[in-house]
Amino acid sequence: CNATARPEPGWRLPVTPDAPEGATAAIVNLAVTDSTSRGHVTLEDCEPRSGARDTAALTFAAGQTVATMAVVPLSETGRFCVYSNASVHRIIDVVGYLADGAPTPSEGEPVEEGDPGDGEPGAEGGEPTAEDGSGEPQLLWYAPSAPTRIVDTRDGAGRVPDGAEHLVTGDAAEILLANLAATGSDERGYLQAGICGELGPAAGFSSLNYGESETRSNLAFVPGSESGTCVFALHRTHVVVDELGRFTSEPGLGWDFGSNGRLLDTRECTEIQCGEAVPAGTTLRVPVESDAEALVVALTATESTDRGYLWAGPCAALEG
């Protein structure tokens, strides 16, 4: 603790989640709030180290509340550390675990839970579950799919009203990995993605926090249910949901963890881009020294001159 109760610049905080036996990594939603300056957060092991970090799981501006989903390896003692170069509150919710090459969705309590009930930003993310009938978490594999927009209320449905649910799927039996976005909101609030009829302030979690007139997005695990999956909005906003893949019991992709490394930084002069802002409509080819079918990355945009979006994917699809 310190006089402000806010972690100071350079502090590294250990986190020990209640991981199941055999878990090698945690899937978490990382949120920051009440920052005094711009900065970044790095998720890392707790081995001794000092100096600046050259990778970031999340970047933020002064006073900003922002969150992202991340995957962080666990040490042999089952913990990891959270570092920031700025004074900022850090909030972590555990969404699931990875074990033996397959993700293990978990019903464990978050390490620290935000309180979305009054519209204040908090830690994002519920706890997707997949049970095999015994009440125990079931090991699942990830099956990526071509990005598919399954909800866009701007196409005619109109903004989701205050305190209302909007149907995402009617009969999905699998957990979806989706990009969840809110835009055109009247005031700050949050979205929840989950089983229809079970959402709202009493559910006690948020999948995405947004501010007035902001456009915000985050990855989300969207639990499947025969009764339907919905998105709940605390305050009126447009909702966009893009499906990126599914978690299934059928063999699919596992996970292989290496050390963190920066693949691209256009602020530096490299063979890809030399220190200048990337023009609109430009596709950058990023070399990856791996034969893996998919890659988990933290994607950051900065110093933009207009609002827009980034899209990462196979070069042929982007250049076509």
C-alpha atoms as a PDB file:
ATOM      1  CA  CYS A   1       0.000   0.000   0.000  1.00  0.00           C
ATOM      2  CA  ASN A   2       0.956   3.666  -0.375  1.00  0.00           C
ATOM      3  CA  ALA A   3      -0.567   7.063   0.423  1.00  0.00           C
ATOM      4  CA  THR A   4      -2.754   7.171  -2.705  1.00  0.00           C
ATOM      5  CA  ALA A   5      -3.749   3.458  -2.682  1.00  0.00           C
ATOM      6  CA  ARG A   6      -2.832   3.469  -6.386  1.00  0.00           C
ATOM      7  CA  PRO A   7       0.163   1.345  -7.489  1.00  0.00           C
ATOM      8  CA  GLU A   8       3.124   3.561  -8.301  1.00  0.00           C
ATOM      9  CA  PRO A   9       5.126   3.632 -11.563  1.00  0.00           C
ATOM     10  CA  GLY A  10       7.388   0.624 -11.883  1.00  0.00           C
ATOM     11  CA  TRP A  11       5.549  -1.478  -9.336  1.00  0.00           C
ATOM     12  CA  ARG A  12       5.180  -5.140 -10.235  1.00  0.00           C
ATOM     13  CA  LEU A  13       2.274  -6.940  -8.581  1.00  0.00           C
ATOM     14  CA  PRO A  14       2.148 -10.751  -8.256  1.00  0.00           C
ATOM     15  CA  VAL A  15      -1.133 -12.488  -9.091  1.00  0.00           C
ATOM     16  CA  THR A  16      -1.890 -16.051  -7.982  1.00  0.00           C
ATOM     17  CA  PRO A  17      -5.182 -17.246  -9.493  1.00  0.00           C
ATOM     18  CA  ASP A  18      -6.957 -20.361  -8.281  1.00  0.00           C
ATOM     19  CA  ALA A  19      -5.843 -22.348 -11.306  1.00  0.00           C
ATOM     20  CA  PRO A  20      -6.902 -25.978 -11.786  1.00  0.00           C
ATOM     21  CA  GLU A  21      -4.268 -28.681 -11.665  1.00  0.00           C
ATOM     22  CA  GLY A  22      -2.286 -28.883 -14.902  1.00  0.00           C
ATOM     23  CA  ALA A  23      -3.052 -25.324 -16.040  1.00  0.00           C
ATOM     24  CA  THR A  24      -0.143 -23.744 -17.897  1.00  0.00           C
ATOM     25  CA  ALA A  25      -1.660 -20.341 -18.682  1.00  0.00           C
ATOM     26  CA  ALA A  26      -4.554 -18.082 -17.707  1.00  0.00           C
ATOM     27  CA  ILE A  27      -6.930 -16.251 -20.028  1.00  0.00           C
ATOM     28  CA  VAL A  28      -7.677 -12.926 -18.347  1.00  0.00           C
ATOM     29  CA  ASN A  29      -9.395  -9.618 -18.907  1.00  0.00           C
ATOM     30  CA  LEU A  30      -6.983  -6.882 -17.872  1.00  0.00           C
ATOM     31  CA  ALA A  31      -8.411  -3.453 -17.050  1.00  0.00           C
ATOM     32  CA  VAL A  32      -6.830  -0.185 -15.918  1.00  0.00           C
ATOM     33  CA  THR A  33      -8.514   2.913 -14.495  1.00  0.00           C
ATOM     34  CA  ASP A  34      -7.712   6.200 -12.743  1.00  0.00           C
ATOM     35  CA  SER A  35      -4.298   6.613 -14.355  1.00  0.00           C
ATOM     36  CA  THR A  36      -2.310   9.790 -13.709  1.00  0.00           C
ATOM     37  CA  SER A  37      -0.408   9.672 -17.026  1.00  0.00           C
ATOM     38  CA  ARG A  38      -0.252   7.638 -20.173  1.00  0.00           C
ATOM     39  CA  GLY A  39       1.534   4.327 -19.956  1.00  0.00           C
ATOM     40  CA  HIS A  40       1.343   0.607 -20.534  1.00  0.00           C
ATOM     41  CA  VAL A  41       0.891  -2.656 -18.679  1.00  0.00           C
ATOM     42  CA  THR A  42       2.968  -5.778 -19.223  1.00  0.00           C
ATOM     43  CA  LEU A  43       2.002  -9.282 -18.095  1.00  0.00           C
ATOM     44  CA  GLU A  44       5.116 -11.339 -17.327  1.00  0.00           C
ATOM     45  CA  ASP A  45       6.661 -13.973 -15.123  1.00  0.00           C
ATOM     46  CA  CYS A  46       7.814 -12.936 -11.674  1.00  0.00           C
ATOM     47  CA  GLU A  47      11.534 -13.588 -12.179  1.00  0.00           C
ATOM     48  CA  PRO A  48      13.820 -10.703 -11.126  1.00  0.00           C
ATOM     49  CA  ARG A  49      14.135  -8.003 -13.783  1.00  0.00           C
ATOM     50  CA  SER A  50      14.474  -4.232 -13.995  1.00  0.00           C
ATOM     51  CA  GLY A  51      14.310  -1.428 -16.537  1.00  0.00           C
ATOM     52  CA  ALA A  52      11.829  -0.612 -19.294  1.00  0.00           C
ATOM     53  CA  ARG A  53       9.742  -3.348 -20.875  1.00  0.00           C
ATOM     54  CA  ASP A  54       9.728  -3.720 -24.649  1.00  0.00           C
ATOM     55  CA  THR A  55       6.277  -5.321 -24.917  1.00  0.00           C
ATOM     56  CA  ALA A  56       2.833  -4.317 -23.672  1.00  0.00           C
ATOM     57  CA  ALA A  57      -0.442  -6.145 -23.107  1.00  0.00           C
ATOM     58  CA  LEU A  58      -2.372  -2.867 -22.756  1.00  0.00           C
ATOM     59  CA  THR A  59      -1.690   0.828 -23.350  1.00  0.00           C
ATOM     60  CA  PHE A  60      -3.663   3.755 -21.935  1.00  0.00           C
ATOM     61  CA  ALA A  61      -3.877   7.545 -21.741  1.00  0.00           C
ATOM     62  CA  ALA A  62      -4.106   9.690 -18.612  1.00  0.00           C
ATOM     63  CA  GLY A  63      -7.452   9.258 -16.885  1.00  0.00           C
ATOM     64  CA  GLN A  64      -8.583   6.578 -19.316  1.00  0.00           C
ATOM     65  CA  THR A  65     -10.380   3.367 -18.400  1.00  0.00           C
ATOM     66  CA  VAL A  66      -9.604   0.645 -20.893  1.00  0.00           C
ATOM     67  CA  ALA A  67      -9.435  -3.141 -20.940  1.00  0.00           C
ATOM     68  CA  THR A  68      -8.273  -6.035 -23.079  1.00  0.00           C
ATOM     69  CA  MET A  69      -8.273  -9.816 -23.066  1.00  0.00           C
ATOM     70  CA  ALA A  70      -4.857 -11.464 -22.730  1.00  0.00           C
ATOM     71  CA  VAL A  71      -3.255 -14.876 -22.331  1.00  0.00           C
ATOM     72  CA  VAL A  72      -0.450 -15.120 -19.769  1.00  0.00           C
ATOM     73  CA  PRO A  73       1.658 -18.204 -18.949  1.00  0.00           C
ATOM     74  CA  LEU A  74       1.692 -19.392 -15.338  1.00  0.00           C
ATOM     75  CA  SER A  75       4.909 -20.184 -13.483  1.00  0.00           C
ATOM     76  CA  GLU A  76       5.549 -23.511 -11.784  1.00  0.00           C
ATOM     77  CA  THR A  77       4.068 -21.955  -8.644  1.00  0.00           C
ATOM     78  CA  GLY A  78       0.931 -20.952 -10.563  1.00  0.00           C
ATOM     79  CA  ARG A  79       1.387 -17.201 -10.644  1.00  0.00           C
ATOM     80  CA  PHE A  80       2.283 -14.265 -12.920  1.00  0.00           C
ATOM     81  CA  CYS A  81       3.145 -10.596 -12.417  1.00  0.00           C
ATOM     82  CA  VAL A  82       1.560  -7.324 -13.622  1.00  0.00           C
ATOM     83  CA  TYR A  83       3.933  -4.420 -14.355  1.00  0.00           C
ATOM     84  CA  SER A  84       3.119  -0.836 -15.338  1.00  0.00           C
ATOM     85  CA  ASN A  85       5.360   2.122 -16.052  1.00  0.00           C
ATOM     86  CA  ALA A  86       2.666   4.537 -14.770  1.00  0.00           C
ATOM     87  CA  SER A  87       0.597   5.002 -11.633  1.00  0.00           C
ATOM     88  CA  VAL A  88      -2.681   3.235 -12.385  1.00  0.00           C
ATOM     89  CA  HIS A  89      -5.185   0.864 -10.825  1.00  0.00           C
ATOM     90  CA  ARG A  90      -5.025  -2.615 -12.357  1.00  0.00           C
ATOM     91  CA  ILE A  91      -7.965  -5.029 -12.360  1.00  0.00           C
ATOM     92  CA  ILE A  92      -7.806  -8.647 -13.492  1.00  0.00           C
ATOM     93  CA  ASP A  93     -10.650 -11.097 -14.059  1.00  0.00           C
ATOM     94  CA  VAL A  94      -9.833 -14.712 -14.868  1.00  0.00           C
ATOM     95  CA  VAL A  95     -11.915 -15.922 -17.809  1.00  0.00           C
ATOM     96  CA  GLY A  96     -10.414 -19.404 -18.279  1.00  0.00           C
ATOM     97  CA  TYR A  97      -7.283 -21.519 -18.279  1.00  0.00           C
ATOM     98  CA  LEU A  98      -5.177 -23.443 -20.768  1.00  0.00           C
ATOM     99  CA  ALA A  99      -3.964 -26.927 -19.936  1.00  0.00           C
ATOM    100  CA  ASP A 100      -2.336 -29.693 -21.948  1.00  0.00           C
ATOM    101  CA  GLY A 101      -2.688 -27.706 -25.153  1.00  0.00           C
ATOM    102  CA  ALA A 102      -6.412 -27.034 -24.775  1.00  0.00           C
ATOM    103  CA  PRO A 103      -8.310 -24.157 -23.156  1.00  0.00           C
ATOM    104  CA  THR A 104     -10.193 -24.929 -19.952  1.00  0.00           C
ATOM    105  CA  PRO A 105     -13.051 -22.505 -19.331  1.00  0.00           C
ATOM    106  CA  SER A 106     -13.405 -21.937 -15.618  1.00  0.00           C
ATOM    107  CA  GLU A 107     -16.083 -20.941 -13.158  1.00  0.00           C
ATOM    108  CA  GLY A 108     -13.501 -19.623 -10.691  1.00  0.00           C
ATOM    109  CA  GLU A 109     -13.974 -16.285  -8.993  1.00  0.00           C
ATOM    110  CA  PRO A 110     -12.108 -13.341 -10.512  1.00  0.00           C
ATOM    111  CA  VAL A 111      -8.891 -12.300  -8.804  1.00  0.00           C
ATOM    112  CA  GLU A 112     -10.398  -8.839  -8.376  1.00  0.00           C
ATOM    113  CA  GLU A 113     -13.867  -7.947  -9.514  1.00  0.00           C
ATOM    114  CA  GLY A 114     -15.169  -4.628 -10.761  1.00  0.00           C
ATOM    115  CA  ASP A 115     -18.654  -3.405  -9.866  1.00  0.00           C
ATOM    116  CA  PRO A 116     -20.566  -2.544 -13.034  1.00  0.00           C
ATOM    117  CA  GLY A 117     -23.838  -1.981 -11.219  1.00  0.00           C
ATOM    118  CA  ASP A 118     -23.653   1.831 -11.196  1.00  0.00           C
ATOM    119  CA  GLY A 119     -22.159   2.256 -14.634  1.00  0.00           C
ATOM    120  CA  GLU A 120     -18.636   2.717 -13.295  1.00  0.00           C
ATOM    121  CA  PRO A 121     -16.010   0.943 -15.371  1.00  0.00           C
ATOM    122  CA  GLY A 122     -14.693  -2.232 -13.832  1.00  0.00           C
ATOM    123  CA  ALA A 123     -12.931  -5.410 -14.776  1.00  0.00           C
ATOM    124  CA  GLU A 124     -14.384  -6.875 -17.931  1.00  0.00           C
ATOM    125  CA  GLY A 125     -15.420 -10.440 -18.556  1.00  0.00           C
ATOM    126  CA  GLY A 126     -17.731 -13.116 -17.251  1.00  0.00           C
ATOM    127  CA  GLU A 127     -16.844 -16.752 -16.756  1.00  0.00           C
ATOM    128  CA  PRO A 128     -17.744 -18.910 -19.776  1.00  0.00           C
ATOM    129  CA  THR A 129     -18.396 -22.515 -18.771  1.00  0.00           C
ATOM    130  CA  ALA A 130     -18.408 -25.846 -20.531  1.00  0.00           C
ATOM    131  CA  GLU A 131     -19.420 -28.830 -18.436  1.00  0.00           C
ATOM    132  CA  ASP A 132     -19.514 -32.496 -19.402  1.00  0.00           C
ATOM    133  CA  GLY A 133     -22.439 -33.356 -17.103  1.00  0.00           C
ATOM    134  CA  SER A 134     -20.302 -34.000 -14.049  1.00  0.00           C
ATOM    135  CA  GLY A 135     -20.097 -30.331 -13.100  1.00  0.00           C
ATOM    136  CA  GLU A 136     -16.380 -30.293 -13.893  1.00  0.00           C
ATOM    137  CA  PRO A 137     -14.868 -27.997 -16.565  1.00  0.00           C
ATOM    138  CA  GLN A 138     -14.427 -29.743 -19.893  1.00  0.00           C
ATOM    139  CA  LEU A 139     -11.239 -29.447 -21.931  1.00  0.00           C
ATOM    140  CA  LEU A 140     -11.941 -27.690 -25.215  1.00  0.00           C
ATOM    141  CA  TRP A 141     -10.005 -26.984 -28.408  1.00  0.00           C
ATOM    142  CA  TYR A 142     -10.047 -23.774 -30.411  1.00  0.00           C
ATOM    143  CA  ALA A 143     -11.356 -23.866 -33.977  1.00  0.00           C
ATOM    144  CA  PRO A 144     -10.764 -20.530 -35.784  1.00  0.00           C
ATOM    145  CA  SER A 145     -13.219 -19.405 -38.430  1.00  0.00           C
ATOM    146  CA  ALA A 146     -13.298 -16.678 -41.048  1.00  0.00           C
ATOM    147  CA  PRO A 147     -14.314 -13.466 -39.225  1.00  0.00           C
ATOM    148  CA  THR A 148     -18.094 -13.203 -39.565  1.00  0.00           C
ATOM    149  CA  ARG A 149     -20.289 -10.311 -38.438  1.00  0.00           C
ATOM    150  CA  ILE A 150     -23.265 -11.868 -36.663  1.00  0.00           C
ATOM    151  CA  VAL A 151     -24.749  -8.734 -35.070  1.00  0.00           C
ATOM    152  CA  ASP A 152     -24.721  -5.084 -36.166  1.00  0.00           C
ATOM    153  CA  THR A 153     -27.594  -3.028 -34.778  1.00  0.00           C
ATOM    154  CA  ARG A 154     -26.656  -0.162 -37.122  1.00  0.00           C
ATOM    155  CA  ASP A 155     -28.173  -2.198 -39.979  1.00  0.00           C
ATOM    156  CA  GLY A 156     -31.713  -1.345 -38.979  1.00  0.00           C
ATOM    157  CA  ALA A 157     -32.399  -2.863 -35.562  1.00  0.00           C
ATOM    158  CA  GLY A 158     -31.469   0.383 -33.852  1.00  0.00           C
ATOM    159  CA  ARG A 159     -29.591   0.905 -30.633  1.00  0.00           C
ATOM    160  CA  VAL A 160     -30.159  -1.537 -27.792  1.00  0.00           C
ATOM    161  CA  PRO A 161     -32.320   0.325 -25.223  1.00  0.00           C
ATOM    162  CA  ASP A 162     -31.306   0.989 -21.627  1.00  0.00           C
ATOM    163  CA  GLY A 163     -31.285  -2.210 -19.603  1.00  0.00           C
ATOM    164  CA  ALA A 164     -32.296  -4.427 -22.540  1.00  0.00           C
ATOM    165  CA  GLU A 165     -30.993  -7.616 -24.131  1.00  0.00           C
ATOM    166  CA  HIS A 166     -30.313  -8.179 -27.837  1.00  0.00           C
ATOM    167  CA  LEU A 167     -30.244 -11.706 -29.284  1.00  0.00           C
ATOM    168  CA  VAL A 168     -26.865 -12.866 -30.636  1.00  0.00           C
ATOM    169  CA  THR A 169     -27.558 -16.532 -31.394  1.00  0.00           C
ATOM    170  CA  GLY A 170     -30.613 -18.679 -30.954  1.00  0.00           C
ATOM    171  CA  ASP A 171     -29.225 -22.153 -30.403  1.00  0.00           C
ATOM    172  CA  ALA A 172     -25.397 -22.080 -30.217  1.00  0.00           C
ATOM    173  CA  ALA A 173     -24.141 -25.005 -28.141  1.00  0.00           C
ATOM    174  CA  GLU A 174     -20.488 -23.955 -28.263  1.00  0.00           C
ATOM    175  CA  ILE A 175     -18.537 -21.101 -26.726  1.00  0.00           C
ATOM    176  CA  LEU A 176     -17.788 -18.389 -29.280  1.00  0.00           C
ATOM    177  CA  LEU A 177     -14.667 -16.233 -29.384  1.00  0.00           C
ATOM    178  CA  ALA A 178     -15.963 -12.887 -30.589  1.00  0.00           C
ATOM    179  CA  ASN A 179     -14.981  -9.264 -30.984  1.00  0.00           C
ATOM    180  CA  LEU A 180     -17.639  -7.286 -29.102  1.00  0.00           C
ATOM    181  CA  ALA A 181     -18.050  -3.564 -29.818  1.00  0.00           C
ATOM    182  CA  ALA A 182     -20.210  -0.696 -28.563  1.00  0.00           C
ATOM    183  CA  THR A 183     -20.638   2.554 -30.498  1.00  0.00           C
ATOM    184  CA  GLY A 184     -22.964   5.564 -30.511  1.00  0.00           C
ATOM    185  CA  SER A 185     -23.737   5.351 -26.808  1.00  0.00           C
ATOM    186  CA  ASP A 186     -25.648   8.087 -24.943  1.00  0.00           C
ATOM    187  CA  GLU A 187     -23.687   7.694 -21.707  1.00  0.00           C
ATOM    188  CA  ARG A 188     -21.097   5.454 -20.169  1.00  0.00           C
ATOM    189  CA  GLY A 189     -22.087   1.911 -19.337  1.00  0.00           C
ATOM    190  CA  TYR A 190     -21.220  -1.675 -20.084  1.00  0.00           C
ATOM    191  CA  LEU A 191     -22.181  -4.681 -22.163  1.00  0.00           C
ATOM    192  CA  GLN A 192     -22.617  -8.224 -20.942  1.00  0.00           C
ATOM    193  CA  ALA A 193     -22.521 -11.261 -23.236  1.00  0.00           C
ATOM    194  CA  GLY A 194     -24.186 -14.372 -21.878  1.00  0.00           C
ATOM    195  CA  ILE A 195     -27.273 -16.541 -21.697  1.00  0.00           C
ATOM    196  CA  CYS A 196     -30.514 -14.731 -22.458  1.00  0.00           C
ATOM    197  CA  GLY A 197     -32.549 -13.951 -19.374  1.00  0.00           C
ATOM    198  CA  GLU A 198     -29.570 -14.256 -17.032  1.00  0.00           C
ATOM    199  CA  LEU A 199     -27.987 -10.851 -17.696  1.00  0.00           C
ATOM    200  CA  GLY A 200     -28.253  -7.468 -16.013  1.00  0.00           C
ATOM    201  CA  PRO A 201     -26.751  -5.620 -13.033  1.00  0.00           C
ATOM    202  CA  ALA A 202     -27.414  -8.566 -10.703  1.00  0.00           C
ATOM    203  CA  ALA A 203     -25.128 -10.771 -12.832  1.00  0.00           C
ATOM    204  CA  GLY A 204     -22.154  -8.810 -11.492  1.00  0.00           C
ATOM    205  CA  PHE A 205     -19.799  -8.744 -14.492  1.00  0.00           C
ATOM    206  CA  SER A 206     -19.134  -6.803 -17.678  1.00  0.00           C
ATOM    207  CA  SER A 207     -17.810  -7.957 -21.043  1.00  0.00           C
ATOM    208  CA  LEU A 208     -17.079  -4.439 -22.296  1.00  0.00           C
ATOM    209  CA  ASN A 209     -17.094  -0.963 -20.719  1.00  0.00           C
ATOM    210  CA  TYR A 210     -17.802   2.139 -22.841  1.00  0.00           C
ATOM    211  CA  GLY A 211     -18.063   5.892 -22.384  1.00  0.00           C
ATOM    212  CA  GLU A 212     -20.420   8.478 -23.803  1.00  0.00           C
ATOM    213  CA  SER A 213     -20.164   8.678 -27.620  1.00  0.00           C
ATOM    214  CA  GLU A 214     -17.155   6.338 -27.554  1.00  0.00           C
ATOM    215  CA  THR A 215     -16.472   3.347 -29.743  1.00  0.00           C
ATOM    216  CA  ARG A 216     -14.913   0.534 -27.725  1.00  0.00           C
ATOM    217  CA  SER A 217     -14.231  -3.124 -28.451  1.00  0.00           C
ATOM    218  CA  ASN A 218     -12.826  -6.162 -26.683  1.00  0.00           C
ATOM    219  CA  LEU A 219     -12.524  -9.881 -27.193  1.00  0.00           C
ATOM    220  CA  ALA A 220     -15.157 -11.876 -25.357  1.00  0.00           C
ATOM    221  CA  PHE A 221     -15.986 -15.486 -24.653  1.00  0.00           C
ATOM    222  CA  VAL A 222     -19.670 -15.818 -25.524  1.00  0.00           C
ATOM    223  CA  PRO A 223     -21.192 -18.867 -23.798  1.00  0.00           C
ATOM    224  CA  GLY A 224     -23.500 -21.028 -25.860  1.00  0.00           C
ATOM    225  CA  SER A 225     -26.972 -22.035 -24.739  1.00  0.00           C
ATOM    226  CA  GLU A 226     -29.948 -23.770 -26.291  1.00  0.00           C
ATOM    227  CA  SER A 227     -32.068 -20.984 -24.826  1.00  0.00           C
ATOM    228  CA  GLY A 228     -30.069 -18.394 -26.763  1.00  0.00           C
ATOM    229  CA  THR A 229     -27.139 -16.049 -26.241  1.00  0.00           C
ATOM    230  CA  CYS A 230     -27.715 -12.313 -25.762  1.00  0.00           C
ATOM    231  CA  VAL A 231     -25.892  -9.036 -25.238  1.00  0.00           C
ATOM    232  CA  PHE A 232     -27.185  -6.787 -22.448  1.00  0.00           C
ATOM    233  CA  ALA A 233     -26.594  -3.013 -22.531  1.00  0.00           C
ATOM    234  CA  LEU A 234     -26.757  -0.908 -19.379  1.00  0.00           C
ATOM    235  CA  HIS A 235     -27.375   2.253 -21.436  1.00  0.00           C
ATOM    236  CA  ARG A 236     -28.537   2.705 -25.025  1.00  0.00           C
ATOM    237  CA  THR A 237     -25.872   1.900 -27.586  1.00  0.00           C
ATOM    238  CA  HIS A 238     -25.259   0.198 -30.911  1.00  0.00           C
ATOM    239  CA  VAL A 239     -23.759  -3.284 -30.611  1.00  0.00           C
ATOM    240  CA  VAL A 240     -21.504  -5.097 -33.090  1.00  0.00           C
ATOM    241  CA  VAL A 241     -20.446  -8.740 -32.677  1.00  0.00           C
ATOM    242  CA  ASP A 242     -17.911 -10.473 -34.948  1.00  0.00           C
ATOM    243  CA  GLU A 243     -17.415 -14.223 -34.542  1.00  0.00           C
ATOM    244  CA  LEU A 244     -13.723 -15.219 -34.759  1.00  0.00           C
ATOM    245  CA  GLY A 245     -13.901 -18.889 -33.802  1.00  0.00           C
ATOM    246  CA  ARG A 246     -15.384 -21.496 -31.496  1.00  0.00           C
ATOM    247  CA  PHE A 247     -14.266 -23.685 -28.618  1.00  0.00           C
ATOM    248  CA  THR A 248     -15.242 -27.288 -29.212  1.00  0.00           C
ATOM    249  CA  SER A 249     -14.607 -30.764 -27.821  1.00  0.00           C
ATOM    250  CA  GLU A 250     -13.460 -31.876 -31.277  1.00  0.00           C
ATOM    251  CA  PRO A 251      -9.641 -31.845 -31.703  1.00  0.00           C
ATOM    252  CA  GLY A 252      -8.436 -28.511 -33.047  1.00  0.00           C
ATOM    253  CA  LEU A 253      -5.683 -26.015 -32.323  1.00  0.00           C
ATOM    254  CA  GLY A 254      -3.704 -26.148 -29.100  1.00  0.00           C
ATOM    255  CA  TRP A 255      -1.449 -23.439 -27.683  1.00  0.00           C
ATOM    256  CA  ASP A 256       2.320 -23.049 -27.729  1.00  0.00           C
ATOM    257  CA  PHE A 257       3.879 -20.346 -25.530  1.00  0.00           C
ATOM    258  CA  GLY A 258       7.150 -18.580 -26.198  1.00  0.00           C
ATOM    259  CA  SER A 259       8.668 -15.415 -24.826  1.00  0.00           C
ATOM    260  CA  ASN A 260       6.968 -12.073 -25.515  1.00  0.00           C
ATOM    261  CA  GLY A 261       8.350 -10.239 -28.514  1.00  0.00           C
ATOM    262  CA  ARG A 262       7.438  -7.176 -30.570  1.00  0.00           C
ATOM    263  CA  LEU A 263       6.830  -8.037 -34.226  1.00  0.00           C
ATOM    264  CA  LEU A 264       6.089  -4.535 -35.513  1.00  0.00           C
ATOM    265  CA  ASP A 265       6.381  -0.934 -34.344  1.00  0.00           C
ATOM    266  CA  THR A 266       5.821   1.601 -37.127  1.00  0.00           C
ATOM    267  CA  ARG A 267       7.253   4.377 -34.941  1.00  0.00           C
ATOM    268  CA  GLU A 268      10.669   2.834 -35.603  1.00  0.00           C
ATOM    269  CA  CYS A 269      12.471   2.608 -38.911  1.00  0.00           C
ATOM    270  CA  THR A 270      12.388  -0.947 -40.249  1.00  0.00           C
ATOM    271  CA  GLU A 271      12.167  -2.655 -43.631  1.00  0.00           C
ATOM    272  CA  ILE A 272       8.374  -2.709 -43.205  1.00  0.00           C
ATOM    273  CA  GLN A 273       7.733   0.940 -42.326  1.00  0.00           C
ATOM    274  CA  CYS A 274      10.111   3.769 -41.431  1.00  0.00           C
ATOM    275  CA  GLY A 275       8.835   5.908 -38.581  1.00  0.00           C
ATOM    276  CA  GLU A 276       5.815   7.414 -40.324  1.00  0.00           C
ATOM    277  CA  ALA A 277       2.108   6.923 -39.709  1.00  0.00           C
ATOM    278  CA  VAL A 278       0.636   4.173 -41.876  1.00  0.00           C
ATOM    279  CA  PRO A 279      -1.592   5.685 -44.606  1.00  0.00           C
ATOM    280  CA  ALA A 280      -5.264   4.718 -44.667  1.00  0.00           C
ATOM    281  CA  GLY A 281      -5.968   1.578 -46.664  1.00  0.00           C
ATOM    282  CA  THR A 282      -2.388   0.276 -46.371  1.00  0.00           C
ATOM    283  CA  THR A 283      -1.653  -3.401 -45.739  1.00  0.00           C
ATOM    284  CA  LEU A 284       1.589  -4.183 -43.903  1.00  0.00           C
ATOM    285  CA  ARG A 285       3.133  -7.638 -44.223  1.00  0.00           C
ATOM    286  CA  VAL A 286       4.473  -8.758 -40.837  1.00  0.00           C
ATOM    287  CA  PRO A 287       7.047 -11.578 -40.926  1.00  0.00           C
ATOM    288  CA  VAL A 288       6.401 -14.319 -38.374  1.00  0.00           C
ATOM    289  CA  GLU A 289       9.004 -17.004 -37.744  1.00  0.00           C
ATOM    290  CA  SER A 290       6.551 -19.799 -37.083  1.00  0.00           C
ATOM    291  CA  ASP A 291       4.595 -22.442 -38.968  1.00  0.00           C
ATOM    292  CA  ALA A 292       1.627 -22.092 -36.596  1.00  0.00           C
ATOM    293  CA  GLU A 293      -1.847 -21.693 -38.083  1.00  0.00           C
ATOM    294  CA  ALA A 294      -2.734 -18.765 -35.794  1.00  0.00           C
ATOM    295  CA  LEU A 295      -1.022 -16.202 -33.576  1.00  0.00           C
ATOM    296  CA  VAL A 296      -2.130 -14.459 -30.372  1.00  0.00           C
ATOM    297  CA  VAL A 297      -1.015 -10.803 -30.376  1.00  0.00           C
ATOM    298  CA  ALA A 298      -1.653  -7.490 -28.665  1.00  0.00           C
ATOM    299  CA  LEU A 299      -2.561  -5.002 -31.423  1.00  0.00           C
ATOM    300  CA  THR A 300      -2.188  -1.283 -30.686  1.00  0.00           C
ATOM    301  CA  ALA A 301      -2.907   1.878 -32.696  1.00  0.00           C
ATOM    302  CA  THR A 302      -1.607   5.320 -31.705  1.00  0.00           C
ATOM    303  CA  GLU A 303      -1.370   8.891 -33.060  1.00  0.00           C
ATOM    304  CA  SER A 304      -4.278   8.467 -35.465  1.00  0.00           C
ATOM    305  CA  THR A 305      -5.577  11.475 -37.403  1.00  0.00           C
ATOM    306  CA  ASP A 306      -9.121  10.138 -37.788  1.00  0.00           C
ATOM    307  CA  ARG A 307     -11.297   7.432 -36.347  1.00  0.00           C
ATOM    308  CA  GLY A 308     -11.016   4.012 -37.965  1.00  0.00           C
ATOM    309  CA  TYR A 309     -10.165   0.393 -37.322  1.00  0.00           C
ATOM    310  CA  LEU A 310      -7.392  -2.163 -37.749  1.00  0.00           C
ATOM    311  CA  TRP A 311      -7.821  -5.607 -39.253  1.00  0.00           C
ATOM    312  CA  ALA A 312      -5.209  -8.349 -38.828  1.00  0.00           C
ATOM    313  CA  GLY A 313      -5.405 -11.502 -40.883  1.00  0.00           C
ATOM    314  CA  PRO A 314      -3.966 -13.446 -43.837  1.00  0.00           C
ATOM    315  CA  CYS A 315      -2.310 -11.068 -46.274  1.00  0.00           C
ATOM    316  CA  ALA A 316      -4.161 -12.526 -49.253  1.00  0.00           C
ATOM    317  CA  ALA A 317      -7.512 -11.770 -47.612  1.00  0.00           C
ATOM    318  CA  LEU A 318      -6.518  -8.207 -46.749  1.00  0.00           C
ATOM    319  CA  GLU A 319      -4.990  -7.405 -50.118  1.00  0.00           C
ATOM    320  CA  GLY A 320      -7.741  -9.026 -52.158  1.00  0.00           C
END
